[in-house]
Amino acid sequence: MSFQENLRYYREKAGYKQAKEFAKILNISYTTYTSYENQGREPKYNTLCKIADILQVSTDDLLGRTTNIIGNNEDERLKKTIQELIYPCISIADISIDDITENNIKFTIMFPSKTTATASISKDKIINTINKLNQKYFYKKQKYFQNYITDTVVSTISNNLKDKLNNMLDKVKNDKNSPFTKEQRTEFMEYIKEQIKSLDNNQTLFNENYFDK
């Protein structure tokens, strides 16, 4: 998707429905901003970075280097994406793309009886549906990774603390030259065991409450 389409897409996605509103946020004139979205003009690097920061995306996302969002002028990519989504096709019918125009996509449907029919569907509606799916599964993947990395960090910290406590427990247990009495050592060892058990309980509680069911 082009920079202009990406800019409009991410602006609206961030909740800035009016270009004039977003121009004020950027502290630039409305005319200058609309030239970015409608006239093919690209902002200077500092402005580009400011836009990316406000919209909470990367400059690569805005420039179309990393996005999986499909634009209105990417017919071949759109066709390939649709074909990947519908093949193997629906069991009750074979669907193929006949033509992609500026506003519509024409499909031919062949039923098992060999009866055929055609249907033209709004190109914008199909693009919006695909983009929503891309966005939905991106966040699903992002959430999964966030869960994974958080669990890994918490588990590592917990395990490191348990290792230290277990080492301390061994030292106290095996130190024959300890200045502490047997009762004091026993009491201290029980305290360490309680701390280890507490770490295990906290880890279990974290896993039960943090992750999506």
Protein backbone atom coordinates (compact mmCIF):
# COMPACT_ATOMS: atom_id res chain seq x y z
CA MET A 1 0.00 0.00 0.00
CA SER A 2 1.26 3.51 -0.76
CA PHE A 3 2.41 6.00 1.86
CA GLN A 4 -0.74 8.05 1.27
CA GLU A 5 -3.03 5.06 1.83
CA ASN A 6 -1.05 3.89 4.86
CA LEU A 7 -1.14 7.35 6.40
CA ARG A 8 -4.91 7.61 6.02
CA TYR A 9 -5.42 4.03 7.23
CA TYR A 10 -3.29 4.38 10.38
CA ARG A 11 -4.66 7.87 11.14
CA GLU A 12 -8.24 6.62 11.11
CA LYS A 13 -7.27 3.45 12.96
CA ALA A 14 -5.74 5.59 15.72
CA GLY A 15 -9.04 7.43 16.12
CA TYR A 16 -8.27 10.64 14.20
CA LYS A 17 -11.26 10.59 11.86
CA GLN A 18 -10.72 14.11 10.51
CA ALA A 19 -7.54 15.10 8.69
CA LYS A 20 -7.89 18.66 10.03
CA GLU A 21 -7.81 17.34 13.59
CA PHE A 22 -4.64 15.37 12.95
CA ALA A 23 -2.99 18.35 11.24
CA LYS A 24 -3.49 20.35 14.45
CA ILE A 25 -1.90 17.55 16.48
CA LEU A 26 1.11 17.69 14.16
CA ASN A 27 1.15 21.49 14.37
CA ILE A 28 1.14 21.85 10.58
CA SER A 29 -1.37 23.46 8.25
CA TYR A 30 -4.34 21.48 6.99
CA THR A 31 -3.23 22.17 3.39
CA THR A 32 0.21 20.72 4.05
CA TYR A 33 -1.21 17.63 5.69
CA THR A 34 -3.78 16.91 2.98
CA SER A 35 -0.98 17.10 0.42
CA TYR A 36 0.51 14.05 2.18
CA GLU A 37 -2.73 12.07 1.89
CA ASN A 38 -4.05 13.28 -1.46
CA GLN A 39 -1.31 14.80 -3.59
CA GLY A 40 1.56 12.32 -3.34
CA ARG A 41 3.75 14.63 -1.28
CA GLU A 42 5.91 13.02 1.42
CA PRO A 43 6.82 14.75 4.69
CA LYS A 44 10.33 15.54 5.84
CA TYR A 45 12.02 12.90 7.98
CA ASN A 46 11.37 14.67 11.29
CA THR A 47 7.68 15.05 10.46
CA LEU A 48 7.49 11.43 9.34
CA CYS A 49 8.95 10.30 12.68
CA LYS A 50 6.50 12.53 14.56
CA ILE A 51 3.57 11.03 12.64
CA ALA A 52 4.80 7.51 13.39
CA ASP A 53 5.19 8.29 17.10
CA ILE A 54 1.70 9.76 17.41
CA LEU A 55 0.08 6.90 15.50
CA GLN A 56 2.23 4.35 17.39
CA VAL A 57 3.50 2.66 14.25
CA SER A 58 6.94 2.45 12.67
CA THR A 59 8.11 4.62 9.79
CA ASP A 60 8.42 1.40 7.79
CA ASP A 61 4.71 0.76 8.39
CA LEU A 62 3.88 4.20 7.02
CA LEU A 63 6.15 3.76 4.03
CA GLY A 64 4.68 0.34 3.26
CA ARG A 65 7.84 -1.66 3.84
CA THR A 66 6.43 -3.98 6.49
CA THR A 67 2.66 -3.70 6.37
CA ASN A 68 0.39 -6.51 5.23
CA ILE A 69 -2.41 -3.99 4.62
CA ILE A 70 -3.72 -4.10 1.05
CA GLY A 71 -4.34 -0.90 -0.88
CA ASN A 72 -6.96 -0.06 -3.50
CA ASN A 73 -4.42 0.00 -6.34
CA GLU A 74 -2.82 -3.38 -5.71
CA ASP A 75 -5.03 -5.59 -7.86
CA GLU A 76 -2.52 -8.39 -8.44
CA ARG A 77 -1.68 -8.64 -4.75
CA LEU A 78 -5.39 -8.49 -3.90
CA LYS A 79 -6.17 -11.27 -6.40
CA LYS A 80 -3.41 -13.47 -5.04
CA THR A 81 -4.56 -12.88 -1.45
CA ILE A 82 -8.18 -13.77 -2.29
CA GLN A 83 -7.10 -16.92 -4.12
CA GLU A 84 -5.02 -18.01 -1.13
CA LEU A 85 -8.02 -17.46 1.14
CA ILE A 86 -10.63 -19.30 -0.94
CA TYR A 87 -8.55 -22.27 -2.18
CA PRO A 88 -9.09 -25.10 -1.53
CA CYS A 89 -12.50 -23.74 -2.23
CA ILE A 90 -15.74 -24.02 -0.33
CA SER A 91 -17.00 -27.58 -0.59
CA ILE A 92 -20.38 -26.68 -2.08
CA ALA A 93 -19.05 -24.52 -4.92
CA ASP A 94 -16.00 -23.46 -6.90
CA ILE A 95 -15.35 -19.74 -6.81
CA SER A 96 -13.04 -17.95 -9.20
CA ILE A 97 -12.16 -14.32 -9.85
CA ASP A 98 -13.20 -13.09 -13.29
CA ASP A 99 -12.19 -9.46 -13.11
CA ILE A 100 -11.12 -6.68 -10.77
CA THR A 101 -12.24 -3.17 -11.64
CA GLU A 102 -11.80 0.13 -9.88
CA ASN A 103 -14.86 -0.43 -7.69
CA ASN A 104 -15.82 -4.10 -7.84
CA ILE A 105 -14.54 -7.66 -7.99
CA LYS A 106 -16.44 -10.03 -10.25
CA PHE A 107 -16.68 -13.65 -9.12
CA THR A 108 -17.97 -16.72 -10.94
CA ILE A 109 -19.46 -19.50 -8.86
CA MET A 110 -19.82 -23.05 -10.19
CA PHE A 111 -22.01 -25.43 -8.19
CA PRO A 112 -21.70 -29.26 -8.27
CA SER A 113 -24.60 -29.34 -10.73
CA LYS A 114 -22.35 -27.35 -13.11
CA THR A 115 -24.69 -24.39 -12.81
CA THR A 116 -22.78 -21.12 -12.84
CA ALA A 117 -23.55 -17.65 -11.58
CA THR A 118 -21.66 -14.39 -11.33
CA ALA A 119 -21.56 -11.80 -8.60
CA SER A 120 -19.90 -8.39 -8.33
CA ILE A 121 -18.84 -7.39 -4.84
CA SER A 122 -17.57 -4.05 -3.64
CA LYS A 123 -13.80 -3.96 -3.89
CA ASP A 124 -13.52 -1.67 -0.87
CA LYS A 125 -15.60 -4.04 1.27
CA ILE A 126 -13.42 -7.01 0.40
CA ILE A 127 -10.21 -5.06 1.03
CA ASN A 128 -11.53 -3.84 4.39
CA THR A 129 -12.49 -7.39 5.39
CA ILE A 130 -9.05 -8.77 4.49
CA ASN A 131 -7.28 -5.92 6.27
CA LYS A 132 -9.38 -6.45 9.39
CA LEU A 133 -8.44 -10.13 9.36
CA ASN A 134 -4.76 -9.26 8.96
CA GLN A 135 -5.00 -6.82 11.84
CA LYS A 136 -6.93 -9.25 14.05
CA TYR A 137 -4.44 -12.06 13.64
CA PHE A 138 -1.51 -9.69 14.00
CA TYR A 139 -2.74 -8.73 17.47
CA LYS A 140 -3.47 -12.38 18.26
CA LYS A 141 0.11 -13.21 17.35
CA GLN A 142 1.34 -10.16 19.25
CA LYS A 143 -0.65 -11.17 22.35
CA TYR A 144 0.67 -14.73 22.15
CA PHE A 145 4.24 -13.45 21.96
CA GLN A 146 3.65 -11.01 24.83
CA ASN A 147 2.32 -13.89 26.95
CA TYR A 148 5.27 -16.04 25.99
CA ILE A 149 7.95 -13.45 26.70
CA THR A 150 6.34 -12.35 29.96
CA ASP A 151 6.06 -15.93 31.16
CA THR A 152 9.68 -16.56 30.18
CA VAL A 153 10.94 -13.50 32.04
CA VAL A 154 8.87 -14.19 35.15
CA SER A 155 9.84 -17.88 35.16
CA THR A 156 13.52 -17.05 34.74
CA ILE A 157 13.47 -14.56 37.61
CA SER A 158 11.55 -16.99 39.81
CA ASN A 159 13.88 -19.90 39.00
CA ASN A 160 16.98 -17.80 39.64
CA LEU A 161 15.64 -16.78 43.04
CA LYS A 162 14.78 -20.39 43.87
CA ASP A 163 18.29 -21.49 42.88
CA LYS A 164 19.81 -18.92 45.18
CA LEU A 165 17.52 -19.91 48.02
CA ASN A 166 18.27 -23.60 47.52
CA ASN A 167 22.00 -22.89 47.54
CA MET A 168 21.56 -20.90 50.72
CA LEU A 169 19.54 -23.78 52.20
CA ASP A 170 22.32 -26.26 51.40
CA LYS A 171 24.96 -24.04 52.94
CA VAL A 172 23.02 -23.56 56.15
CA LYS A 173 22.19 -27.26 56.32
CA ASN A 174 25.78 -28.44 55.76
CA ASP A 175 27.72 -25.75 57.59
CA LYS A 176 29.13 -27.53 60.60
CA ASN A 177 31.01 -24.44 61.74
CA SER A 178 27.96 -22.22 61.85
CA PRO A 179 27.84 -19.92 64.91
CA PHE A 180 24.09 -20.44 65.09
CA THR A 181 22.41 -23.03 67.26
CA LYS A 182 20.71 -26.04 65.74
CA GLU A 183 17.31 -24.54 66.52
CA GLN A 184 18.24 -21.26 64.83
CA ARG A 185 19.49 -23.07 61.76
CA THR A 186 16.33 -25.19 61.61
CA GLU A 187 14.18 -22.09 61.92
CA PHE A 188 16.12 -20.33 59.16
CA MET A 189 15.89 -23.35 56.86
CA GLU A 190 12.13 -23.47 57.36
CA TYR A 191 11.95 -19.80 56.45
CA ILE A 192 13.88 -20.45 53.22
CA LYS A 193 11.59 -23.35 52.34
CA GLU A 194 8.58 -21.10 52.84
CA GLN A 195 10.07 -18.53 50.47
CA ILE A 196 10.65 -21.18 47.81
CA LYS A 197 7.09 -22.43 48.21
CA SER A 198 5.82 -18.84 47.97
CA LEU A 199 7.68 -18.36 44.67
CA ASP A 200 6.08 -21.53 43.29
CA ASN A 201 2.62 -20.38 44.39
CA ASN A 202 3.12 -16.93 42.88
CA GLN A 203 4.22 -18.46 39.59
CA THR A 204 1.13 -20.68 39.50
CA LEU A 205 -1.13 -17.75 40.36
CA PHE A 206 0.49 -15.63 37.68
CA ASN A 207 -0.05 -18.30 35.01
CA GLU A 208 -3.69 -18.77 36.01
CA ASN A 209 -4.55 -15.08 35.95
CA TYR A 210 -2.32 -13.60 33.26
CA PHE A 211 -2.94 -15.82 30.28
CA ASP A 212 -6.11 -15.80 28.24
CA LYS A 213 -8.27 -18.82 28.83
